[in-house]
């Protein structure tokens, strides 16, 4: 799988409905009407999502009579996951992602315990005078508009 195909699959998976469809299909194939029952979207919207996923070869479809059954295309999915796995492997990065996450969580926990509020921040702010808070008046305030001269009608 090349980088453009991976990028396209990431775009396809950028919609939460499509992620949910994958979750529903992990256990095996399902017909469109079964999938639709899991959502509060219309049938045409579901069809749009299914088309995007089948066009990207992420799903396979099988028509039986009036029903269409969908399943995950394991070959495409496995290739996609292999690419993601090589990106996330600890040998690929100069740091260990799991270690970085653990360190970030530890730092956040320490920060939450040691946060102090400065005395100045907890004191109420001095009240501003109305002149300081009021917006500047437009220059035309208080001026009367110029008198309009009546037009003469053409006869």
N, C-alpha and C. Protein backbone atom coordinates (compact mmCIF):
# COMPACT_ATOMS: atom_id res chain seq x y z
N UNK A 1 0.86 -1.17 0.00
CA UNK A 1 0.00 0.00 0.00
C UNK A 1 0.90 1.23 0.00
N UNK A 2 0.66 2.13 -0.93
CA UNK A 2 1.50 3.33 -1.01
C UNK A 2 0.95 4.44 -0.11
N UNK A 3 1.72 5.48 0.02
CA UNK A 3 1.37 6.56 0.95
C UNK A 3 0.08 7.28 0.53
N UNK A 4 -0.19 7.38 -0.77
CA UNK A 4 -1.43 8.03 -1.24
C UNK A 4 -2.65 7.21 -0.86
N UNK A 5 -2.54 5.89 -0.94
CA UNK A 5 -3.66 5.02 -0.54
C UNK A 5 -3.91 5.12 0.97
N UNK A 6 -2.84 5.18 1.74
CA UNK A 6 -2.97 5.34 3.18
C UNK A 6 -3.64 6.66 3.50
N UNK A 7 -3.22 7.72 2.82
CA UNK A 7 -3.81 9.04 3.03
C UNK A 7 -5.31 9.03 2.70
N UNK A 8 -5.68 8.40 1.60
CA UNK A 8 -7.10 8.32 1.22
C UNK A 8 -7.91 7.55 2.27
N UNK A 9 -7.36 6.46 2.80
CA UNK A 9 -8.07 5.72 3.83
C UNK A 9 -8.23 6.55 5.09
N UNK A 10 -7.23 7.34 5.43
CA UNK A 10 -7.35 8.21 6.59
C UNK A 10 -8.47 9.23 6.39
N UNK A 11 -8.60 9.74 5.18
CA UNK A 11 -9.68 10.68 4.88
C UNK A 11 -11.04 10.00 5.02
N UNK A 12 -11.13 8.79 4.49
CA UNK A 12 -12.40 8.05 4.57
C UNK A 12 -12.76 7.79 6.03
N UNK A 13 -11.77 7.49 6.84
CA UNK A 13 -12.03 7.18 8.25
C UNK A 13 -12.17 8.44 9.11
N UNK A 14 -12.16 9.60 8.49
CA UNK A 14 -12.27 10.85 9.23
C UNK A 14 -13.68 11.18 9.68
N UNK A 15 -14.64 10.33 9.41
CA UNK A 15 -16.02 10.57 9.81
C UNK A 15 -16.40 9.57 10.91
N UNK A 16 -16.96 10.04 12.02
CA UNK A 16 -17.30 9.14 13.12
C UNK A 16 -18.30 8.05 12.74
N UNK A 17 -19.20 8.33 11.80
CA UNK A 17 -20.15 7.30 11.37
C UNK A 17 -19.41 6.12 10.72
N UNK A 18 -18.37 6.43 9.97
CA UNK A 18 -17.63 5.37 9.28
C UNK A 18 -16.82 4.52 10.26
N UNK A 19 -16.31 5.16 11.30
CA UNK A 19 -15.62 4.39 12.35
C UNK A 19 -16.63 3.45 13.02
N UNK A 20 -17.81 3.96 13.29
CA UNK A 20 -18.86 3.13 13.93
C UNK A 20 -19.26 1.98 13.00
N UNK A 21 -19.33 2.22 11.71
CA UNK A 21 -19.65 1.15 10.75
C UNK A 21 -18.59 0.06 10.85
N UNK A 22 -17.33 0.44 10.91
CA UNK A 22 -16.27 -0.56 11.06
C UNK A 22 -16.45 -1.36 12.34
N UNK A 23 -16.77 -0.67 13.44
CA UNK A 23 -16.99 -1.37 14.70
C UNK A 23 -18.12 -2.39 14.58
N UNK A 24 -19.16 -2.04 13.86
CA UNK A 24 -20.30 -2.95 13.70
C UNK A 24 -19.96 -4.14 12.81
N UNK A 25 -19.01 -3.95 11.89
CA UNK A 25 -18.68 -5.01 10.95
C UNK A 25 -17.53 -5.90 11.42
N UNK A 26 -16.93 -5.60 12.56
CA UNK A 26 -15.82 -6.41 13.06
C UNK A 26 -16.27 -7.86 13.29
N UNK A 27 -17.49 -8.05 13.74
CA UNK A 27 -17.98 -9.39 14.03
C UNK A 27 -18.43 -10.15 12.78
N UNK A 28 -18.47 -9.52 11.64
CA UNK A 28 -18.87 -10.19 10.41
C UNK A 28 -19.77 -9.30 9.57
N UNK A 29 -20.17 -9.84 8.43
CA UNK A 29 -20.96 -9.04 7.49
C UNK A 29 -22.35 -8.74 8.02
N UNK A 30 -22.86 -7.60 7.58
CA UNK A 30 -24.21 -7.17 7.95
C UNK A 30 -24.84 -6.51 6.73
N UNK A 31 -26.16 -6.59 6.66
CA UNK A 31 -26.84 -5.92 5.56
C UNK A 31 -27.04 -4.46 5.91
N UNK A 32 -27.28 -3.66 4.90
CA UNK A 32 -27.41 -2.21 5.09
C UNK A 32 -28.54 -1.87 6.06
N UNK A 33 -29.64 -2.62 6.01
CA UNK A 33 -30.76 -2.31 6.90
C UNK A 33 -30.39 -2.58 8.37
N UNK A 34 -29.56 -3.57 8.63
CA UNK A 34 -29.09 -3.82 10.00
C UNK A 34 -28.22 -2.66 10.47
N UNK A 35 -27.36 -2.19 9.60
CA UNK A 35 -26.49 -1.07 9.95
C UNK A 35 -27.30 0.19 10.19
N UNK A 36 -28.28 0.43 9.33
CA UNK A 36 -29.09 1.64 9.44
C UNK A 36 -29.80 1.70 10.79
N UNK A 37 -30.20 0.54 11.31
CA UNK A 37 -30.87 0.49 12.60
C UNK A 37 -30.01 0.97 13.75
N UNK A 38 -28.72 1.04 13.55
CA UNK A 38 -27.79 1.47 14.59
C UNK A 38 -27.54 2.98 14.58
N UNK A 39 -28.11 3.68 13.61
CA UNK A 39 -27.84 5.10 13.44
C UNK A 39 -29.14 5.91 13.43
N UNK A 40 -28.99 7.21 13.57
CA UNK A 40 -30.12 8.12 13.44
C UNK A 40 -29.95 8.95 12.17
N UNK A 41 -29.39 8.32 11.14
CA UNK A 41 -29.18 8.99 9.86
C UNK A 41 -30.13 8.38 8.83
N UNK A 42 -30.31 9.06 7.71
CA UNK A 42 -31.21 8.56 6.68
C UNK A 42 -30.53 7.47 5.85
N UNK A 43 -31.33 6.73 5.12
CA UNK A 43 -30.81 5.67 4.27
C UNK A 43 -29.88 6.23 3.19
N UNK A 44 -30.22 7.36 2.54
CA UNK A 44 -29.28 7.91 1.56
C UNK A 44 -27.93 8.34 2.17
N UNK A 45 -27.97 8.83 3.40
CA UNK A 45 -26.72 9.20 4.07
C UNK A 45 -25.88 7.97 4.34
N UNK A 46 -26.51 6.90 4.81
CA UNK A 46 -25.78 5.65 5.03
C UNK A 46 -25.20 5.15 3.72
N UNK A 47 -25.97 5.21 2.65
CA UNK A 47 -25.49 4.77 1.33
C UNK A 47 -24.26 5.58 0.91
N UNK A 48 -24.27 6.87 1.19
CA UNK A 48 -23.13 7.72 0.88
C UNK A 48 -21.87 7.23 1.61
N UNK A 49 -22.02 6.95 2.91
CA UNK A 49 -20.89 6.45 3.69
C UNK A 49 -20.40 5.10 3.17
N UNK A 50 -21.34 4.22 2.86
CA UNK A 50 -20.97 2.88 2.40
C UNK A 50 -20.26 2.96 1.04
N UNK A 51 -20.70 3.85 0.18
CA UNK A 51 -20.05 4.00 -1.13
C UNK A 51 -18.62 4.48 -0.96
N UNK A 52 -18.43 5.46 -0.08
CA UNK A 52 -17.07 5.97 0.15
C UNK A 52 -16.17 4.86 0.68
N UNK A 53 -16.70 4.02 1.54
CA UNK A 53 -15.90 2.95 2.13
C UNK A 53 -15.64 1.81 1.15
N UNK A 54 -16.59 1.52 0.27
CA UNK A 54 -16.36 0.47 -0.73
C UNK A 54 -15.46 0.99 -1.85
N UNK A 55 -15.61 2.26 -2.22
CA UNK A 55 -14.73 2.83 -3.26
C UNK A 55 -13.27 2.82 -2.82
N UNK A 56 -13.05 2.99 -1.53
CA UNK A 56 -11.68 2.99 -1.01
C UNK A 56 -11.17 1.57 -0.75
N UNK A 57 -11.99 0.59 -1.07
CA UNK A 57 -11.66 -0.83 -0.88
C UNK A 57 -11.55 -1.21 0.59
N UNK A 58 -12.10 -0.39 1.47
CA UNK A 58 -12.10 -0.70 2.89
C UNK A 58 -13.18 -1.72 3.21
N UNK A 59 -14.28 -1.66 2.45
CA UNK A 59 -15.38 -2.62 2.61
C UNK A 59 -15.63 -3.36 1.31
N UNK A 60 -16.15 -4.57 1.45
CA UNK A 60 -16.62 -5.34 0.30
C UNK A 60 -18.14 -5.39 0.38
N UNK A 61 -18.77 -5.42 -0.76
CA UNK A 61 -20.23 -5.54 -0.77
C UNK A 61 -20.63 -6.76 -1.57
N UNK A 62 -21.73 -7.38 -1.11
CA UNK A 62 -22.26 -8.56 -1.78
C UNK A 62 -23.77 -8.37 -1.87
N UNK A 63 -24.30 -8.40 -3.09
CA UNK A 63 -25.74 -8.21 -3.27
C UNK A 63 -26.42 -9.58 -3.34
N UNK A 64 -27.48 -9.71 -2.54
CA UNK A 64 -28.29 -10.91 -2.53
C UNK A 64 -29.74 -10.47 -2.63
N UNK A 65 -30.31 -10.61 -3.80
CA UNK A 65 -31.67 -10.12 -4.01
C UNK A 65 -31.70 -8.61 -3.88
N UNK A 66 -32.59 -8.12 -3.03
CA UNK A 66 -32.70 -6.67 -2.82
C UNK A 66 -31.76 -6.18 -1.72
N UNK A 67 -31.13 -7.08 -1.03
CA UNK A 67 -30.26 -6.70 0.09
C UNK A 67 -28.80 -6.62 -0.33
N UNK A 68 -28.09 -5.70 0.31
CA UNK A 68 -26.65 -5.57 0.11
C UNK A 68 -25.97 -5.83 1.44
N UNK A 69 -25.05 -6.78 1.43
CA UNK A 69 -24.30 -7.14 2.63
C UNK A 69 -22.90 -6.56 2.53
N UNK A 70 -22.43 -6.03 3.65
CA UNK A 70 -21.11 -5.41 3.70
C UNK A 70 -20.23 -6.15 4.69
N UNK A 71 -18.94 -6.18 4.38
CA UNK A 71 -17.94 -6.74 5.29
C UNK A 71 -16.64 -5.97 5.11
N UNK A 72 -15.79 -6.07 6.10
CA UNK A 72 -14.49 -5.40 6.03
C UNK A 72 -13.60 -6.18 5.07
N UNK A 73 -12.95 -5.45 4.17
CA UNK A 73 -11.98 -6.08 3.27
C UNK A 73 -10.71 -6.27 4.08
N UNK A 74 -10.49 -7.50 4.54
CA UNK A 74 -9.38 -7.79 5.45
C UNK A 74 -8.01 -7.47 4.83
N UNK A 75 -7.88 -7.68 3.54
CA UNK A 75 -6.58 -7.42 2.90
C UNK A 75 -6.22 -5.94 3.00
N UNK A 76 -7.18 -5.08 2.62
CA UNK A 76 -6.94 -3.64 2.69
C UNK A 76 -6.71 -3.21 4.13
N UNK A 77 -7.56 -3.68 5.04
CA UNK A 77 -7.44 -3.30 6.44
C UNK A 77 -6.10 -3.73 7.02
N UNK A 78 -5.69 -4.97 6.73
CA UNK A 78 -4.42 -5.47 7.27
C UNK A 78 -3.23 -4.69 6.73
N UNK A 79 -3.26 -4.34 5.44
CA UNK A 79 -2.18 -3.54 4.86
C UNK A 79 -2.14 -2.15 5.50
N UNK A 80 -3.31 -1.57 5.69
CA UNK A 80 -3.40 -0.25 6.32
C UNK A 80 -2.84 -0.29 7.74
N UNK A 81 -3.24 -1.29 8.50
CA UNK A 81 -2.76 -1.42 9.87
C UNK A 81 -1.27 -1.70 9.92
N UNK A 82 -0.75 -2.41 8.95
CA UNK A 82 0.69 -2.67 8.88
C UNK A 82 1.47 -1.36 8.71
N UNK A 83 0.96 -0.50 7.84
CA UNK A 83 1.60 0.81 7.64
C UNK A 83 1.55 1.61 8.94
N UNK A 84 0.39 1.65 9.60
CA UNK A 84 0.28 2.39 10.85
C UNK A 84 1.18 1.78 11.92
N UNK A 85 1.31 0.47 11.93
CA UNK A 85 2.15 -0.19 12.92
C UNK A 85 3.62 0.17 12.73
N UNK A 86 4.06 0.27 11.47
CA UNK A 86 5.46 0.65 11.24
C UNK A 86 5.72 2.08 11.67
N UNK A 87 4.71 2.93 11.55
CA UNK A 87 4.86 4.32 11.99
C UNK A 87 4.94 4.38 13.51
N UNK A 88 4.16 3.55 14.19
CA UNK A 88 4.09 3.64 15.64
C UNK A 88 5.10 2.75 16.35
N UNK A 89 5.85 1.96 15.61
CA UNK A 89 6.80 1.06 16.29
C UNK A 89 7.88 1.86 17.00
N UNK A 90 8.33 1.33 18.12
CA UNK A 90 9.30 2.08 18.92
C UNK A 90 10.65 2.19 18.22
N UNK A 91 10.93 1.31 17.27
CA UNK A 91 12.20 1.38 16.54
C UNK A 91 12.18 2.51 15.52
N UNK A 92 11.01 2.94 15.11
CA UNK A 92 10.89 3.98 14.10
C UNK A 92 11.19 5.35 14.68
N UNK A 93 10.73 5.60 15.92
CA UNK A 93 10.87 6.90 16.55
C UNK A 93 12.11 6.92 17.43
N UNK A 94 12.75 8.07 17.59
CA UNK A 94 13.92 8.16 18.47
C UNK A 94 13.52 8.12 19.95
N UNK A 95 12.23 8.12 20.25
CA UNK A 95 11.73 8.02 21.61
C UNK A 95 10.70 6.91 21.66
N UNK A 96 10.38 6.48 22.85
CA UNK A 96 9.38 5.43 23.04
C UNK A 96 8.03 6.11 23.30
N UNK A 97 7.06 5.99 22.38
CA UNK A 97 5.78 6.68 22.56
C UNK A 97 5.09 6.33 23.87
N UNK A 98 5.14 5.07 24.29
CA UNK A 98 4.49 4.67 25.54
C UNK A 98 5.14 5.36 26.73
N UNK A 99 6.46 5.49 26.69
CA UNK A 99 7.18 6.15 27.78
C UNK A 99 6.84 7.64 27.81
N UNK A 100 6.75 8.26 26.64
CA UNK A 100 6.41 9.69 26.57
C UNK A 100 5.01 9.93 27.14
N UNK A 101 4.07 9.06 26.79
CA UNK A 101 2.71 9.21 27.31
C UNK A 101 2.69 9.06 28.83
N UNK A 102 3.44 8.08 29.36
CA UNK A 102 3.49 7.87 30.81
C UNK A 102 4.12 9.09 31.50
N UNK A 103 5.19 9.63 30.92
CA UNK A 103 5.84 10.80 31.51
C UNK A 103 4.91 12.01 31.49
N UNK A 104 4.17 12.19 30.39
CA UNK A 104 3.22 13.31 30.30
C UNK A 104 2.12 13.18 31.35
N UNK A 105 1.63 11.96 31.55
CA UNK A 105 0.58 11.73 32.55
C UNK A 105 1.12 12.00 33.95
N UNK A 106 2.36 11.59 34.22
CA UNK A 106 2.98 11.82 35.53
C UNK A 106 3.17 13.31 35.77
N UNK A 107 3.65 14.04 34.76
CA UNK A 107 3.85 15.48 34.88
C UNK A 107 2.52 16.18 35.12
N UNK A 108 1.47 15.78 34.41
CA UNK A 108 0.15 16.39 34.58
C UNK A 108 -0.38 16.13 35.98
N UNK A 109 -0.15 14.93 36.51
CA UNK A 109 -0.62 14.60 37.86
C UNK A 109 0.09 15.46 38.90
N UNK A 110 1.40 15.65 38.74
CA UNK A 110 2.16 16.49 39.67
C UNK A 110 1.68 17.93 39.59
N UNK A 111 1.44 18.42 38.40
CA UNK A 111 1.00 19.81 38.21
C UNK A 111 -0.35 20.05 38.86
N UNK A 112 -1.23 19.06 38.80
CA UNK A 112 -2.56 19.21 39.37
C UNK A 112 -2.49 19.31 40.89
N UNK A 113 -1.51 18.67 41.50
CA UNK A 113 -1.38 18.67 42.95
C UNK A 113 -0.70 19.96 43.43
N UNK A 114 0.24 20.49 42.68
CA UNK A 114 1.06 21.60 43.16
C UNK A 114 0.63 22.97 42.65
N UNK A 115 -0.51 23.07 42.03
CA UNK A 115 -0.96 24.35 41.51
C UNK A 115 -1.36 25.26 42.67
N UNK A 116 -0.79 26.46 42.68
CA UNK A 116 -1.13 27.46 43.69
C UNK A 116 -1.69 28.69 42.99
N UNK A 117 -2.71 29.27 43.59
CA UNK A 117 -3.31 30.47 43.03
C UNK A 117 -2.67 31.67 43.72
N UNK A 118 -2.05 32.58 42.97
CA UNK A 118 -1.46 33.77 43.57
C UNK A 118 -2.54 34.62 44.24
N UNK A 119 -2.16 35.32 45.32
CA UNK A 119 -3.12 36.13 46.07
C UNK A 119 -3.74 37.21 45.20
N UNK A 120 -2.97 37.80 44.30
CA UNK A 120 -3.49 38.86 43.43
C UNK A 120 -4.56 38.32 42.50
N UNK A 121 -4.43 37.10 42.08
CA UNK A 121 -5.40 36.53 41.15
C UNK A 121 -6.72 36.24 41.84
N UNK A 122 -6.67 35.97 43.16
CA UNK A 122 -7.92 35.64 43.84
C UNK A 122 -8.65 36.88 44.35
N UNK A 123 -7.98 38.03 44.41
CA UNK A 123 -8.63 39.26 44.87
C UNK A 123 -9.51 39.81 43.76
N UNK A 124 -10.66 40.41 44.13
CA UNK A 124 -11.51 40.98 43.08
C UNK A 124 -10.83 42.16 42.40
N UNK A 125 -11.06 42.27 41.14
CA UNK A 125 -10.45 43.36 40.37
C UNK A 125 -11.09 44.67 40.79
N UNK A 126 -10.32 45.76 40.71
CA UNK A 126 -10.86 47.07 41.04
C UNK A 126 -11.92 47.43 40.02
N UNK A 127 -12.98 48.05 40.51
CA UNK A 127 -14.06 48.44 39.61
C UNK A 127 -13.59 49.55 38.70
N UNK A 128 -13.94 49.44 37.47
CA UNK A 128 -13.59 50.48 36.51
C UNK A 128 -14.68 51.54 36.52
N UNK A 129 -14.30 52.74 36.23
CA UNK A 129 -15.30 53.80 36.16
C UNK A 129 -16.07 53.63 34.87
N UNK A 130 -17.34 54.07 34.85
CA UNK A 130 -18.14 53.92 33.63
C UNK A 130 -17.50 54.55 32.41
N UNK A 131 -16.77 55.64 32.59
CA UNK A 131 -16.13 56.30 31.46
C UNK A 131 -15.09 55.39 30.82
N UNK A 132 -14.44 54.56 31.64
CA UNK A 132 -13.40 53.67 31.11
C UNK A 132 -14.00 52.51 30.33
N UNK A 133 -15.19 52.08 30.74
CA UNK A 133 -15.78 50.91 30.11
C UNK A 133 -16.72 51.25 28.97
N UNK A 134 -17.24 52.47 28.93
CA UNK A 134 -18.20 52.83 27.90
C UNK A 134 -17.48 53.00 26.56
N UNK A 135 -18.08 52.50 25.49
CA UNK A 135 -17.46 52.68 24.18
C UNK A 135 -17.54 54.14 23.75
N UNK A 136 -16.60 54.55 22.95
CA UNK A 136 -16.59 55.92 22.46
C UNK A 136 -17.82 56.16 21.60
N UNK A 137 -18.43 57.32 21.77
CA UNK A 137 -19.62 57.65 21.01
C UNK A 137 -19.22 57.99 19.57
N UNK A 138 -20.04 57.59 18.61
CA UNK A 138 -19.72 57.94 17.23
C UNK A 138 -19.74 59.46 17.06
N UNK A 139 -18.98 59.95 16.11
CA UNK A 139 -18.84 61.39 15.89
C UNK A 139 -20.15 62.04 15.47
N UNK A 140 -21.05 61.29 14.88
CA UNK A 140 -22.27 61.90 14.36
C UNK A 140 -23.35 62.05 15.43
N UNK A 141 -23.11 61.57 16.64
CA UNK A 141 -24.12 61.66 17.68
C UNK A 141 -24.34 63.13 18.03
N UNK A 142 -25.57 63.52 18.13
CA UNK A 142 -25.90 64.89 18.50
C UNK A 142 -26.03 65.82 17.30
N UNK A 143 -25.59 65.42 16.13
CA UNK A 143 -25.71 66.26 14.94
C UNK A 143 -26.97 65.87 14.21
N UNK A 144 -27.64 66.88 13.70
CA UNK A 144 -28.83 66.62 12.92
C UNK A 144 -28.42 66.36 11.48
N UNK A 145 -29.14 65.45 10.82
CA UNK A 145 -28.80 65.23 9.41
C UNK A 145 -29.13 66.46 8.59
N UNK A 146 -28.40 66.64 7.54
CA UNK A 146 -28.61 67.79 6.66
C UNK A 146 -30.02 67.75 6.10
N UNK A 147 -30.65 68.93 5.99
CA UNK A 147 -32.01 69.01 5.48
C UNK A 147 -32.02 68.63 4.00
N UNK A 148 -33.03 67.84 3.64
CA UNK A 148 -33.15 67.42 2.24
C UNK A 148 -33.95 68.47 1.48
N UNK A 149 -33.49 68.79 0.32
CA UNK A 149 -34.23 69.73 -0.52
C UNK A 149 -35.23 68.93 -1.37
N UNK A 150 -36.44 69.39 -1.45
CA UNK A 150 -37.43 68.64 -2.24
C UNK A 150 -37.07 68.65 -3.72
N UNK A 151 -37.33 67.54 -4.37
CA UNK A 151 -37.07 67.47 -5.81
C UNK A 151 -38.30 67.91 -6.55
N UNK A 152 -38.03 68.49 -7.67
CA UNK A 152 -39.14 68.91 -8.52
C UNK A 152 -39.45 67.78 -9.49
N UNK A 153 -40.73 67.57 -9.67
CA UNK A 153 -41.15 66.52 -10.59
C UNK A 153 -41.12 67.04 -12.00
N UNK A 154 -40.70 66.19 -12.88
CA UNK A 154 -40.72 66.56 -14.31
C UNK A 154 -42.14 66.41 -14.82
N UNK A 155 -42.59 67.40 -15.59
CA UNK A 155 -43.97 67.35 -16.12
C UNK A 155 -44.00 66.90 -17.52
